[in-house]
Protein backbone atom coordinates (compact mmCIF):
# COMPACT_ATOMS: atom_id res chain seq x y z
CA MET A 1 17.04 129.27 7.13
CA ALA A 2 20.16 131.22 6.52
CA THR A 3 21.51 130.87 3.14
CA ILE A 4 25.12 130.19 2.43
CA LEU A 5 26.21 131.46 -0.97
CA GLY A 6 27.73 128.94 -2.94
CA PRO A 7 31.57 129.68 -3.87
CA SER A 8 32.31 130.50 -7.34
CA SER A 9 35.05 129.45 -9.74
CA ALA A 10 37.84 132.03 -10.63
CA ALA A 11 40.97 131.42 -12.46
CA ILE A 12 44.41 133.26 -11.85
CA SER A 13 46.99 132.99 -14.39
CA ALA A 14 50.65 133.43 -13.25
CA SER A 15 53.48 134.15 -15.69
CA CYS A 16 56.90 135.21 -15.02
CA GLY A 17 56.13 135.84 -11.35
CA SER A 18 53.22 138.09 -12.04
CA LEU A 19 49.60 137.38 -11.53
CA ILE A 20 46.96 138.24 -13.99
CA TYR A 21 43.30 138.44 -12.73
CA PRO A 22 40.50 137.87 -15.40
CA SER A 23 37.59 139.99 -15.55
CA SER A 24 34.80 137.99 -15.27
CA LYS A 25 8.43 152.28 19.87
CA LEU A 26 8.89 148.50 19.43
CA VAL A 27 8.35 145.62 21.68
CA ILE A 28 10.62 142.66 22.11
CA PRO A 29 8.67 139.48 22.36
CA SER A 30 9.36 137.40 25.54
CA ILE A 31 12.38 139.73 26.50
CA SER A 32 11.99 142.12 29.65
CA ILE A 33 14.78 144.69 29.73
CA ASN A 34 15.28 146.28 33.24
CA ALA A 35 18.13 148.03 34.92
CA GLY A 36 20.07 145.47 36.91
CA SER A 37 18.05 142.55 35.97
CA CYS A 38 20.90 140.92 34.00
CA TYR A 39 22.97 139.72 37.01
CA TRP A 40 23.57 137.31 36.04
CA LYS A 41 46.21 142.55 9.48
CA LYS A 42 44.87 144.18 8.68
CA PHE A 43 46.78 143.36 6.05
CA TYR A 44 45.58 142.87 2.56
CA GLY A 45 46.51 139.39 1.73
CA GLY A 46 46.26 137.65 -1.59
CA ILE A 47 47.97 134.84 -3.39
CA GLY A 48 51.69 134.82 -3.48
CA ILE A 49 53.65 132.18 -5.31
CA GLN A 50 57.16 131.62 -3.62
CA GLY A 51 58.76 130.61 -7.06
CA LYS A 52 62.28 128.71 -7.21
CA LYS A 53 64.76 128.84 -9.74
CA GLY A 54 64.55 126.31 -12.32
CA LYS A 55 61.18 125.04 -11.43
CA PRO A 56 58.73 125.01 -14.14
CA GLN A 57 55.97 127.69 -14.16
CA PHE A 58 52.70 126.78 -12.78
CA HIS A 59 49.09 127.56 -13.82
CA ILE A 60 47.41 128.57 -10.69
CA ALA A 61 43.73 128.28 -10.30
CA VAL A 62 41.46 129.21 -7.23
CA THR A 63 38.71 126.59 -7.88
CA ASN A 64 35.34 125.82 -5.72
CA VAL A 65 32.15 124.70 -6.37
CA ALA A 66 30.33 127.07 -8.64
CA THR A 67 26.59 127.86 -8.05
CA GLU A 68 24.76 129.75 -10.75
CA ILE A 69 21.88 131.59 -9.01
CA ASN A 70 18.96 132.43 -11.22
CA SER A 71 15.35 133.01 -10.92
CA VAL A 72 14.35 129.37 -11.26
CA GLN A 73 17.03 127.94 -8.85
CA GLN A 74 16.00 130.87 -6.30
CA ALA A 75 12.39 129.42 -6.66
CA GLN A 76 13.49 126.00 -5.94
CA LYS A 77 15.51 127.31 -2.98
CA LEU A 78 12.13 128.76 -1.44
CA GLY A 79 10.42 125.26 -1.85
CA ALA A 80 13.33 123.58 -0.59
CA LYS A 81 13.40 125.65 2.59
CA GLU A 82 10.53 123.82 4.09
CA SER A 83 12.00 120.36 3.60
CA GLN A 84 15.18 121.36 5.58
CA ARG A 85 15.62 120.63 9.23
CA PRO A 86 13.04 122.75 11.13
CA VAL A 87 14.50 125.37 13.42
CA TYR A 88 12.75 126.22 16.76
CA PRO A 89 11.55 129.64 16.68
CA PHE A 90 13.50 132.38 18.56
CA ALA A 91 10.28 133.96 19.66
CA ALA A 92 8.97 130.79 21.05
CA ILE A 93 12.16 130.38 23.59
CA VAL A 94 10.77 130.76 27.21
CA GLY A 95 12.82 132.72 29.56
CA GLN A 96 16.61 132.99 29.20
CA ASP A 97 16.27 136.73 28.60
CA GLU A 98 19.94 137.54 29.28
CA MET A 99 21.25 135.04 26.67
CA LYS A 100 18.62 136.05 23.96
CA LEU A 101 19.32 139.93 24.51
CA CYS A 102 23.22 139.23 23.99
CA LEU A 103 22.50 137.43 20.75
CA LEU A 104 20.23 140.02 19.56
CA LEU A 105 22.66 142.98 20.37
CA ASN A 106 25.57 141.20 18.38
CA VAL A 107 23.36 140.79 15.22
CA ILE A 108 22.50 144.57 15.51
CA ASP A 109 26.34 145.42 15.96
CA PRO A 110 28.63 142.68 14.94
CA LYS A 111 31.60 144.53 15.98
CA ILE A 112 30.56 143.92 19.72
CA GLY A 113 32.57 140.75 19.11
CA GLY A 114 30.25 137.66 19.81
CA VAL A 115 28.95 135.77 22.77
CA MET A 116 30.24 133.43 25.34
CA ILE A 117 27.13 131.30 26.57
CA MET A 118 27.93 129.50 29.80
CA GLY A 119 25.40 127.41 31.80
CA ASP A 120 23.95 124.11 32.93
CA ARG A 121 23.41 121.28 30.38
CA GLY A 122 19.87 121.07 29.14
CA THR A 123 19.15 124.78 29.31
CA GLY A 124 18.54 125.41 25.50
CA LYS A 125 21.79 127.00 24.87
CA SER A 126 22.52 125.62 21.40
CA THR A 127 18.59 125.53 20.61
CA THR A 128 18.42 129.56 21.19
CA VAL A 129 21.69 130.07 19.01
CA ARG A 130 20.43 127.95 16.11
CA SER A 131 16.93 129.50 16.23
CA LEU A 132 18.72 132.82 15.54
CA VAL A 133 18.94 132.00 11.95
CA ASP A 134 15.47 133.01 11.32
CA LEU A 135 16.11 136.53 12.36
CA LEU A 136 19.14 137.19 10.67
CA PRO A 137 18.96 140.12 8.16
CA GLU A 138 20.13 140.30 4.56
CA ILE A 139 23.39 142.02 3.46
CA LYS A 140 24.92 143.06 0.15
CA VAL A 141 27.38 140.57 -1.16
CA VAL A 142 29.30 140.34 -4.46
CA PHE A 143 27.58 137.67 -6.47
CA GLY A 144 29.69 134.33 -6.93
CA ASP A 145 32.35 135.46 -4.43
CA PRO A 146 33.02 132.40 -1.66
CA TYR A 147 34.15 135.06 0.81
CA ASN A 148 30.84 137.08 0.85
CA SER A 149 32.73 140.19 0.14
CA ASP A 150 31.05 143.45 1.06
CA PRO A 151 30.98 145.55 -2.31
CA GLU A 152 31.42 148.76 -0.21
CA ASP A 153 34.07 148.08 2.22
CA PRO A 154 37.55 147.02 0.96
CA GLU A 155 38.44 145.56 4.42
CA SER A 156 35.65 142.77 3.96
CA MET A 157 36.78 141.99 0.35
CA GLY A 158 38.47 138.96 -1.04
CA ILE A 159 41.58 139.67 -3.04
CA GLU A 160 39.91 139.07 -6.48
CA VAL A 161 37.08 141.50 -5.86
CA ARG A 162 39.75 143.98 -4.61
CA GLU A 163 41.59 143.65 -7.88
CA LYS A 164 38.25 143.94 -9.79
CA VAL A 165 37.50 147.43 -7.81
CA THR A 166 40.98 148.63 -8.60
CA LYS A 167 40.59 148.04 -12.47
CA GLY A 168 37.19 149.88 -12.15
CA GLU A 169 35.41 147.01 -13.25
CA GLU A 170 31.56 146.62 -12.33
CA LEU A 171 30.50 144.17 -9.42
CA THR A 172 27.49 142.24 -9.63
CA ILE A 173 25.78 142.56 -6.41
CA THR A 174 23.20 140.59 -4.76
CA MET A 175 21.29 140.20 -1.30
CA THR A 176 21.64 137.16 0.85
CA LYS A 177 20.97 136.55 4.54
CA ILE A 178 23.82 136.42 7.04
CA ASN A 179 25.33 132.89 7.09
CA MET A 180 25.40 130.91 10.39
CA VAL A 181 28.39 128.42 10.35
CA ASP A 182 28.47 125.45 12.74
CA LEU A 183 32.11 124.64 13.80
CA PRO A 184 32.41 121.18 14.82
CA LEU A 185 34.67 119.94 17.65
CA GLY A 186 36.47 117.14 15.58
CA ALA A 187 36.93 119.45 12.58
CA THR A 188 40.38 119.23 10.99
CA GLU A 189 42.49 122.59 10.58
CA ASP A 190 42.49 122.00 6.78
CA ARG A 191 38.64 122.16 6.83
CA VAL A 192 38.54 125.02 8.94
CA CYS A 193 41.00 127.27 7.27
CA GLY A 194 40.99 125.88 3.72
CA THR A 195 43.39 123.55 1.97
CA ILE A 196 45.53 123.17 -0.93
CA ASP A 197 44.46 120.55 -3.57
CA ILE A 198 47.84 118.50 -3.72
CA GLU A 199 46.74 116.02 -6.30
CA LYS A 200 45.96 118.51 -8.79
CA ALA A 201 49.25 120.16 -8.30
CA LEU A 202 51.07 116.79 -9.07
CA THR A 203 48.77 115.53 -11.85
CA GLU A 204 47.93 118.69 -13.57
CA GLY A 205 50.26 121.48 -12.45
CA VAL A 206 47.53 123.45 -11.08
CA LYS A 207 47.51 124.53 -7.20
CA ALA A 208 43.86 124.82 -6.36
CA PHE A 209 42.79 126.44 -3.01
CA GLU A 210 39.52 125.22 -1.63
CA PRO A 211 37.98 127.92 1.14
CA GLY A 212 37.18 126.37 4.36
CA LEU A 213 34.48 127.32 7.05
CA LEU A 214 36.33 130.54 7.92
CA ALA A 215 35.64 131.83 4.44
CA LYS A 216 31.91 130.70 4.75
CA ALA A 217 31.74 132.68 8.09
CA ASN A 218 32.94 135.90 6.78
CA ARG A 219 30.52 138.68 7.52
CA GLY A 220 28.33 135.99 9.31
CA ILE A 221 28.25 133.86 12.53
CA LEU A 222 30.60 131.02 13.52
CA TYR A 223 28.89 129.06 16.09
CA VAL A 224 31.10 126.40 18.45
CA ASP A 225 29.13 124.19 20.75
CA GLU A 226 31.02 122.98 23.74
CA VAL A 227 33.67 125.56 22.88
CA ASN A 228 35.77 124.93 25.91
CA LEU A 229 36.44 121.35 24.70
CA LEU A 230 37.71 122.56 21.27
CA ASP A 231 41.31 121.46 20.76
CA ASP A 232 44.00 123.74 21.26
CA HIS A 233 45.11 123.98 17.59
CA LEU A 234 41.82 125.10 16.51
CA VAL A 235 41.71 127.76 19.26
CA ASP A 236 44.91 129.12 17.98
CA VAL A 237 43.26 129.44 14.63
CA LEU A 238 40.31 131.22 15.83
CA LEU A 239 42.56 133.69 17.98
CA ASP A 240 44.48 134.58 15.08
CA SER A 241 41.41 135.16 12.76
CA ALA A 242 39.55 136.94 15.48
CA ALA A 243 42.38 139.35 16.16
CA SER A 244 43.32 140.13 12.45
CA GLY A 245 39.94 139.59 10.66
CA TRP A 246 41.83 137.90 8.02
CA ASN A 247 42.60 133.92 7.63
CA THR A 248 45.86 133.22 6.24
CA VAL A 249 46.76 129.57 4.75
CA GLU A 250 50.49 128.58 4.12
CA ARG A 251 50.72 125.47 2.14
CA GLU A 252 53.13 123.99 -0.19
CA GLY A 253 54.69 127.45 -1.50
CA ILE A 254 51.46 129.27 -1.62
CA SER A 255 50.37 132.00 0.77
CA ILE A 256 46.69 132.70 0.62
CA SER A 257 44.81 135.31 2.61
CA HIS A 258 41.27 136.09 2.86
CA PRO A 259 38.88 138.30 4.93
CA ALA A 260 37.48 136.37 8.01
CA ARG A 261 35.42 138.87 10.06
CA PHE A 262 32.54 137.09 11.85
CA ILE A 263 30.44 137.09 15.15
CA LEU A 264 32.13 134.33 17.39
CA ILE A 265 29.33 132.45 19.64
CA GLY A 266 30.24 130.03 21.68
CA SER A 267 28.54 127.87 24.48
CA GLY A 268 29.49 125.30 26.77
CA ASN A 269 29.14 123.93 30.48
CA PRO A 270 31.60 125.41 32.90
CA GLU A 271 31.63 121.75 34.85
CA GLU A 272 33.55 120.47 31.62
CA GLY A 273 36.25 122.64 31.61
CA GLU A 274 37.51 126.48 31.74
CA LEU A 275 38.07 128.11 28.43
CA ARG A 276 41.55 129.39 27.76
CA PRO A 277 41.81 133.15 29.04
CA GLN A 278 43.16 134.26 25.53
CA LEU A 279 39.96 133.02 23.77
CA LEU A 280 37.74 134.12 26.39
CA ASP A 281 38.72 137.73 26.16
CA ARG A 282 37.83 137.58 22.39
CA PHE A 283 34.20 137.12 23.21
CA GLY A 284 32.61 140.49 23.47
CA MET A 285 29.64 139.58 25.95
CA HIS A 286 29.27 136.71 28.48
CA ALA A 287 25.80 135.37 29.28
CA GLN A 288 25.24 132.88 32.12
CA VAL A 289 22.35 130.59 31.68
CA GLY A 290 20.74 128.77 34.66
CA THR A 291 18.08 126.00 35.06
CA VAL A 292 14.49 127.40 35.52
CA ARG A 293 13.00 126.43 38.97
CA ASP A 294 9.52 127.66 38.59
CA ALA A 295 7.67 124.69 38.18
CA GLU A 296 4.95 126.26 35.93
CA LEU A 297 7.51 127.61 33.37
CA ARG A 298 8.91 124.17 33.32
CA VAL A 299 5.75 122.95 32.33
CA LYS A 300 5.26 125.45 29.81
CA ILE A 301 8.74 124.59 28.31
CA VAL A 302 7.84 120.95 28.13
CA GLU A 303 4.64 121.51 26.41
CA GLU A 304 6.07 123.79 23.87
CA ARG A 305 8.69 121.28 22.93
CA ALA A 306 6.19 118.75 22.61
CA ARG A 307 4.07 120.76 20.30
CA PHE A 308 7.19 121.42 18.13
CA ASP A 309 8.12 117.87 18.06
CA LYS A 310 4.70 116.79 17.03
CA ASN A 311 4.07 119.18 14.15
CA PRO A 312 7.12 121.56 13.51
CA LYS A 313 5.53 123.38 10.55
CA GLU A 314 2.17 124.10 12.46
CA PHE A 315 4.30 125.25 15.47
CA ARG A 316 6.52 127.57 13.62
CA ASP A 317 3.39 129.18 11.77
CA SER A 318 1.86 129.87 15.13
CA TYR A 319 4.90 132.00 15.91
CA LYS A 320 5.15 133.73 12.41
CA ALA A 321 3.69 136.90 13.35
CA GLU A 322 6.00 137.28 16.32
CA GLN A 323 9.01 136.36 14.30
CA GLU A 324 8.21 138.90 11.62
CA LYS A 325 7.67 141.46 14.15
CA LEU A 326 11.24 140.91 15.78
CA GLN A 327 12.78 140.62 12.26
CA GLN A 328 11.31 144.10 11.67
CA GLN A 329 12.57 145.52 14.83
CA MET A 330 16.04 144.16 14.19
CA ALA A 331 16.29 145.52 10.74
CA SER A 332 15.20 148.83 12.24
CA ALA A 333 17.75 148.88 14.94
CA ARG A 334 20.65 147.77 12.42
CA SER A 335 19.55 150.99 10.25
CA SER A 336 19.37 153.27 13.00
CA LEU A 337 22.56 152.12 14.90
CA SER A 338 24.89 154.73 13.49
CA SER A 339 22.49 157.81 14.68
CA VAL A 340 22.50 156.56 18.46
CA GLN A 341 24.57 158.80 20.65
CA ILE A 342 26.15 158.37 23.90
CA ASP A 343 27.12 161.22 26.12
CA ARG A 344 30.54 161.76 27.06
CA ASP A 345 29.84 161.79 30.81
CA LEU A 346 28.40 158.24 30.42
CA LYS A 347 31.50 157.35 28.48
CA VAL A 348 33.68 158.41 31.45
CA LYS A 349 31.63 156.66 34.14
CA ILE A 350 31.89 153.40 31.87
CA SER A 351 35.69 153.71 31.99
CA ARG A 352 35.66 154.68 35.54
CA VAL A 353 33.80 151.28 36.42
CA CYS A 354 36.13 149.33 34.28
CA ALA A 355 39.04 151.11 36.04
CA GLU A 356 38.01 150.66 39.51
CA LEU A 357 37.31 146.83 38.58
CA ASN A 358 40.91 146.59 37.50
CA VAL A 359 39.75 145.17 33.94
CA ASP A 360 42.67 144.52 31.88
CA GLY A 361 42.83 146.38 28.55
CA LEU A 362 40.45 148.51 27.07
CA ARG A 363 37.87 146.01 25.19
CA GLY A 364 35.67 146.17 28.31
CA ASP A 365 35.34 149.99 27.67
CA ILE A 366 34.61 149.44 23.81
CA VAL A 367 32.21 146.64 24.08
CA THR A 368 30.14 148.33 27.01
CA ASN A 369 29.81 151.45 24.86
CA ARG A 370 28.68 149.45 21.61
CA ALA A 371 26.28 146.96 23.49
CA ALA A 372 24.74 150.13 25.23
CA LYS A 373 24.31 151.82 21.74
CA ALA A 374 22.87 148.57 20.27
CA LEU A 375 20.29 148.26 23.13
CA ALA A 376 19.24 151.83 22.62
CA ALA A 377 18.65 151.26 18.85
CA LEU A 378 16.74 148.06 19.67
CA LYS A 379 14.41 149.95 21.97
CA GLY A 380 13.91 152.53 19.09
CA ARG A 381 16.04 155.63 20.71
CA ASP A 382 18.70 157.65 19.61
CA ARG A 383 20.33 158.18 22.87
CA VAL A 384 21.82 156.03 25.40
CA THR A 385 20.60 156.22 28.86
CA ALA A 386 22.21 154.73 32.16
CA GLU A 387 19.52 152.13 32.18
CA ASP A 388 20.89 150.82 29.10
CA ILE A 389 24.29 150.57 30.53
CA ALA A 390 23.17 148.86 33.82
CA THR A 391 21.34 146.19 31.61
CA VAL A 392 24.65 145.39 29.44
CA ILE A 393 27.57 146.06 31.52
CA PRO A 394 27.48 142.67 33.78
CA ASN A 395 27.67 140.84 30.34
CA CYS A 396 30.49 142.97 29.05
CA LEU A 397 32.74 142.85 31.89
CA ARG A 398 32.09 139.82 34.08
CA HIS A 399 34.54 137.54 32.24
CA ARG A 400 37.18 140.29 31.94
CA LEU A 401 37.50 140.55 36.02
CA ARG A 402 40.80 138.90 37.34
CA LYS A 403 39.78 135.55 39.13
CA ASP A 404 40.01 135.44 42.85
CA PRO A 405 39.77 131.78 43.95
CA LEU A 406 38.64 132.95 47.45
CA GLU A 407 35.83 135.29 46.16
CA SER A 408 32.39 133.62 46.43
CA ILE A 409 30.19 136.41 45.11
CA ASP A 410 29.28 136.24 41.29
CA SER A 411 31.40 138.38 39.28
CA GLY A 412 28.27 139.63 37.58
CA LEU A 413 27.17 141.00 40.87
CA LEU A 414 30.59 142.76 41.44
CA VAL A 415 30.11 144.58 38.25
CA ILE A 416 26.59 145.79 38.97
CA GLU A 417 27.71 146.86 42.64
CA LYS A 418 30.43 148.83 41.03
CA PHE A 419 28.05 150.37 38.49
CA TYR A 420 25.46 151.87 40.81
CA GLU A 421 28.42 153.05 43.13
CA VAL A 422 30.21 154.85 40.15
CA PHE A 423 26.71 156.15 38.39
CA SER A 424 24.82 157.14 41.80
């Protein structure tokens, strides 16, 4: 199970309007990849105190639940891992190749921008997404930082870590698995963005900030099930964070910003309502999931699920070798991604497809290039081919086409037809 780093506690003293920071050849199990088979602010925020004349000086503290990680507790974590709710193995998912491929590509290259999964109810959308946690690789983080700050990337650092780097202080670095954070439909805005403890401000003269779900999801995955039913005010929060990569909280005279760069994954049933166009455009890829019609395949799915429900541990052990093989493949693809090249001729053809389909903006071009490179890395190659582009381009563009109410053909088919027309 993915491990979420516990937030740390840090104190920030303010005096006379100034802030003082204290030092303290690979094979993918169950996935077939064939050409045409997938039809189917910056701003560096911080903590600013808007002081008022005549008001007493405050002692400001950013307080969170601190977790000391030592060798004993790490051993306890490993022992407790088996007692947590078991997750269905990703390698055991039958069918749904398009959805699985989109998820894997986003883990390989988080800058693709996430996945929107739409399909019939009961087709395993949320099961597949949650099964991804076993495959998530480890990343470097600053120990004890509630925002999972990247010690090598200033854009992914919290304000406290940035201050330490500026002062030349040495950072304590640890490895942790990428987070997967669930965003419930009924979550409040304070729980998502973080909140100020007003009681402490009134009783102790302390303004304490408690990070929310967006802080936990930084450099990880934020999953929203039934995303098309999400309240508008939460959609606005996600839009703001997805656009800037930072979350800003304005509460009671305090302005706090922290990095919030995450892979946004959403799932839903199109019969229950459409997604707002602004949010739909923020998803890098769009996967459509259909109900399996083959009787033999349906029986296999039912039998596998029954085995898992009967003895989850034994079932997970039976897929352990395939899971580890896929983990190694993902780690290899992530490390080799930067060396993958795409010819300029292919880039021009991708842009021609986008232009002739009247795709608004340039996100379609960018995402298609990134997804094709991630797929080439997944296949163990250092150069993108037209086959790679044919596989991913329907998922990158189908949700970006202008909707025609009189058009009966699937948008994914329109994309693949235009692809073969341009690339032939």
